[in-house]
Amino acid sequence: MTEQRVIIEMGMGNDLHGMDYQKAAQRAIEDAIRHSTLPIFESIGLPHTDMRVQVTVGVQDPDQIDADALTAGLPRGRATVRAVKGGLNVPNPETGDTAVVATAAVEAFLPSQKGKWTAT
């Protein structure tokens, strides 16, 4: 069945002192999710299990990401998480500390709703 992307949200997260890519990625995903709501499920009676959620997280060292752990933390839908090179490492020359910045795109897809309902 053909899917339609119904939402895309972006988020940013960081770990300022631990250089923890996983923590920064989790925060980026949470930031994106906090900016969205999908009332369509209640409005037209769709189960959340009809939604496929695709998350892409960008960090400077994607090998440090446990995608399965991030997937397990997603609240709705059939989810997958993939890590790619992106984000930003910001070194502090005075302390040698590095702040890690992660970015996330959270996309939600539904089976095509074309012709199934109309807004009134």
C-alpha atoms as a PDB file:
ATOM      1  CA  MET A   1       0.000   0.000   0.000  1.00  0.00           C
ATOM      2  CA  THR A   2       1.243   3.486  -0.816  1.00  0.00           C
ATOM      3  CA  GLU A   3       2.289   5.624   2.142  1.00  0.00           C
ATOM      4  CA  GLN A   4       2.035   9.357   2.636  1.00  0.00           C
ATOM      5  CA  ARG A   5       4.344  11.352   4.866  1.00  0.00           C
ATOM      6  CA  VAL A   6       2.047  13.244   7.218  1.00  0.00           C
ATOM      7  CA  ILE A   7       4.615  15.010   9.355  1.00  0.00           C
ATOM      8  CA  ILE A   8       8.298  15.820   9.569  1.00  0.00           C
ATOM      9  CA  GLU A   9       9.751  17.467  12.640  1.00  0.00           C
ATOM     10  CA  MET A  10      13.322  18.490  13.331  1.00  0.00           C
ATOM     11  CA  GLY A  11      15.056  18.603  16.659  1.00  0.00           C
ATOM     12  CA  MET A  12      18.404  19.426  18.198  1.00  0.00           C
ATOM     13  CA  GLY A  13      20.015  18.002  21.305  1.00  0.00           C
ATOM     14  CA  ASN A  14      23.376  18.235  22.950  1.00  0.00           C
ATOM     15  CA  ASP A  15      25.669  16.844  25.590  1.00  0.00           C
ATOM     16  CA  LEU A  16      27.781  19.694  26.849  1.00  0.00           C
ATOM     17  CA  HIS A  17      30.407  17.911  28.929  1.00  0.00           C
ATOM     18  CA  GLY A  18      30.321  14.136  28.532  1.00  0.00           C
ATOM     19  CA  MET A  19      30.810  13.854  24.760  1.00  0.00           C
ATOM     20  CA  ASP A  20      27.930  11.366  24.860  1.00  0.00           C
ATOM     21  CA  TYR A  21      26.531  10.988  21.335  1.00  0.00           C
ATOM     22  CA  GLN A  22      23.700   8.745  22.535  1.00  0.00           C
ATOM     23  CA  LYS A  23      22.498  11.319  25.063  1.00  0.00           C
ATOM     24  CA  ALA A  24      22.652  14.119  22.488  1.00  0.00           C
ATOM     25  CA  ALA A  25      20.753  11.999  19.936  1.00  0.00           C
ATOM     26  CA  GLN A  26      18.046  11.095  22.471  1.00  0.00           C
ATOM     27  CA  ARG A  27      17.611  14.765  23.323  1.00  0.00           C
ATOM     28  CA  ALA A  28      17.370  15.705  19.628  1.00  0.00           C
ATOM     29  CA  ILE A  29      14.621  13.120  19.077  1.00  0.00           C
ATOM     30  CA  GLU A  30      12.750  14.279  22.181  1.00  0.00           C
ATOM     31  CA  ASP A  31      13.039  17.893  20.994  1.00  0.00           C
ATOM     32  CA  ALA A  32      11.502  17.005  17.627  1.00  0.00           C
ATOM     33  CA  ILE A  33       8.677  14.998  19.174  1.00  0.00           C
ATOM     34  CA  ARG A  34       7.816  17.779  21.620  1.00  0.00           C
ATOM     35  CA  HIS A  35       7.077  20.069  18.664  1.00  0.00           C
ATOM     36  CA  SER A  36       4.376  17.887  17.178  1.00  0.00           C
ATOM     37  CA  THR A  37       1.032  16.290  17.793  1.00  0.00           C
ATOM     38  CA  LEU A  38      -1.043  14.107  15.517  1.00  0.00           C
ATOM     39  CA  PRO A  39      -4.715  14.559  16.393  1.00  0.00           C
ATOM     40  CA  ILE A  40      -5.621  12.791  13.143  1.00  0.00           C
ATOM     41  CA  PHE A  41      -5.590   9.449  14.967  1.00  0.00           C
ATOM     42  CA  GLU A  42      -8.393  10.419  17.312  1.00  0.00           C
ATOM     43  CA  SER A  43     -10.173  12.516  14.679  1.00  0.00           C
ATOM     44  CA  ILE A  44     -10.633   9.734  12.146  1.00  0.00           C
ATOM     45  CA  GLY A  45     -10.174   6.639  14.283  1.00  0.00           C
ATOM     46  CA  LEU A  46      -6.800   5.426  13.020  1.00  0.00           C
ATOM     47  CA  PRO A  47      -4.775   3.145  15.282  1.00  0.00           C
ATOM     48  CA  HIS A  48      -1.245   4.387  16.071  1.00  0.00           C
ATOM     49  CA  THR A  49       0.078   1.056  14.784  1.00  0.00           C
ATOM     50  CA  ASP A  50      -0.840   2.186  11.249  1.00  0.00           C
ATOM     51  CA  MET A  51       1.923   4.812  11.471  1.00  0.00           C
ATOM     52  CA  ARG A  52       5.491   4.120  10.382  1.00  0.00           C
ATOM     53  CA  VAL A  53       8.021   6.397  12.091  1.00  0.00           C
ATOM     54  CA  GLN A  54      11.393   6.984  10.479  1.00  0.00           C
ATOM     55  CA  VAL A  55      14.041   8.815  12.489  1.00  0.00           C
ATOM     56  CA  THR A  56      17.371  10.032  11.136  1.00  0.00           C
ATOM     57  CA  VAL A  57      19.912  11.270  13.674  1.00  0.00           C
ATOM     58  CA  GLY A  58      23.038  13.166  12.665  1.00  0.00           C
ATOM     59  CA  VAL A  59      26.143  13.072  14.867  1.00  0.00           C
ATOM     60  CA  GLN A  60      29.842  13.366  14.124  1.00  0.00           C
ATOM     61  CA  ASP A  61      30.455   9.711  15.086  1.00  0.00           C
ATOM     62  CA  PRO A  62      27.406   7.630  14.051  1.00  0.00           C
ATOM     63  CA  ASP A  63      29.090   4.410  15.234  1.00  0.00           C
ATOM     64  CA  GLN A  64      28.579   5.635  18.810  1.00  0.00           C
ATOM     65  CA  ILE A  65      24.781   5.458  18.426  1.00  0.00           C
ATOM     66  CA  ASP A  66      22.706   2.507  19.649  1.00  0.00           C
ATOM     67  CA  ALA A  67      19.807   2.819  17.193  1.00  0.00           C
ATOM     68  CA  ASP A  68      17.860  -0.022  18.830  1.00  0.00           C
ATOM     69  CA  ALA A  69      17.871   1.767  22.194  1.00  0.00           C
ATOM     70  CA  LEU A  70      16.658   4.990  20.558  1.00  0.00           C
ATOM     71  CA  THR A  71      13.945   3.076  18.690  1.00  0.00           C
ATOM     72  CA  ALA A  72      12.734   1.501  21.932  1.00  0.00           C
ATOM     73  CA  GLY A  73      12.183   4.984  23.371  1.00  0.00           C
ATOM     74  CA  LEU A  74       9.799   6.136  20.649  1.00  0.00           C
ATOM     75  CA  PRO A  75       6.226   6.393  21.920  1.00  0.00           C
ATOM     76  CA  ARG A  76       4.105   5.480  18.873  1.00  0.00           C
ATOM     77  CA  GLY A  77       4.066   3.631  15.593  1.00  0.00           C
ATOM     78  CA  ARG A  78       6.383   1.130  13.958  1.00  0.00           C
ATOM     79  CA  ALA A  79       9.697   2.923  14.323  1.00  0.00           C
ATOM     80  CA  THR A  80      13.201   2.731  12.941  1.00  0.00           C
ATOM     81  CA  VAL A  81      16.204   4.909  13.754  1.00  0.00           C
ATOM     82  CA  ARG A  82      19.322   5.334  11.675  1.00  0.00           C
ATOM     83  CA  ALA A  83      22.410   7.340  12.506  1.00  0.00           C
ATOM     84  CA  VAL A  84      24.315   9.322   9.888  1.00  0.00           C
ATOM     85  CA  LYS A  85      27.317  11.619   9.917  1.00  0.00           C
ATOM     86  CA  GLY A  86      26.156  15.102  10.817  1.00  0.00           C
ATOM     87  CA  GLY A  87      25.656  17.206  13.882  1.00  0.00           C
ATOM     88  CA  LEU A  88      28.579  19.090  15.298  1.00  0.00           C
ATOM     89  CA  ASN A  89      31.422  18.713  17.790  1.00  0.00           C
ATOM     90  CA  VAL A  90      32.375  21.994  19.461  1.00  0.00           C
ATOM     91  CA  PRO A  91      35.722  21.811  21.252  1.00  0.00           C
ATOM     92  CA  ASN A  92      36.570  24.175  24.092  1.00  0.00           C
ATOM     93  CA  PRO A  93      40.260  25.025  23.693  1.00  0.00           C
ATOM     94  CA  GLU A  94      40.478  26.267  27.277  1.00  0.00           C
ATOM     95  CA  THR A  95      39.320  23.034  28.914  1.00  0.00           C
ATOM     96  CA  GLY A  96      39.767  20.385  26.218  1.00  0.00           C
ATOM     97  CA  ASP A  97      36.087  19.511  26.676  1.00  0.00           C
ATOM     98  CA  THR A  98      33.924  18.893  23.593  1.00  0.00           C
ATOM     99  CA  ALA A  99      30.237  19.684  23.343  1.00  0.00           C
ATOM    100  CA  VAL A 100      28.316  17.276  21.109  1.00  0.00           C
ATOM    101  CA  VAL A 101      25.388  18.582  19.060  1.00  0.00           C
ATOM    102  CA  ALA A 102      23.003  16.102  17.417  1.00  0.00           C
ATOM    103  CA  THR A 103      20.215  16.783  14.960  1.00  0.00           C
ATOM    104  CA  ALA A 104      17.171  14.617  14.322  1.00  0.00           C
ATOM    105  CA  ALA A 105      14.458  14.394  11.688  1.00  0.00           C
ATOM    106  CA  VAL A 106      11.361  12.474  12.782  1.00  0.00           C
ATOM    107  CA  GLU A 107       9.044  11.526   9.937  1.00  0.00           C
ATOM    108  CA  ALA A 108       5.648   9.859  10.241  1.00  0.00           C
ATOM    109  CA  PHE A 109       4.023   7.961   7.390  1.00  0.00           C
ATOM    110  CA  LEU A 110       0.487   6.617   7.073  1.00  0.00           C
ATOM    111  CA  PRO A 111      -1.112   4.372   4.498  1.00  0.00           C
ATOM    112  CA  SER A 112      -2.603   6.585   1.813  1.00  0.00           C
ATOM    113  CA  GLN A 113      -5.688   8.385   3.133  1.00  0.00           C
ATOM    114  CA  LYS A 114      -6.687   9.686  -0.304  1.00  0.00           C
ATOM    115  CA  GLY A 115     -10.448   9.599  -0.642  1.00  0.00           C
ATOM    116  CA  LYS A 116     -10.989   8.078   2.815  1.00  0.00           C
ATOM    117  CA  TRP A 117     -12.029  11.265   4.630  1.00  0.00           C
ATOM    118  CA  THR A 118     -12.614  14.955   4.156  1.00  0.00           C
ATOM    119  CA  ALA A 119     -12.228  17.881   6.497  1.00  0.00           C
ATOM    120  CA  THR A 120     -15.432  19.744   7.270  1.00  0.00           C
END
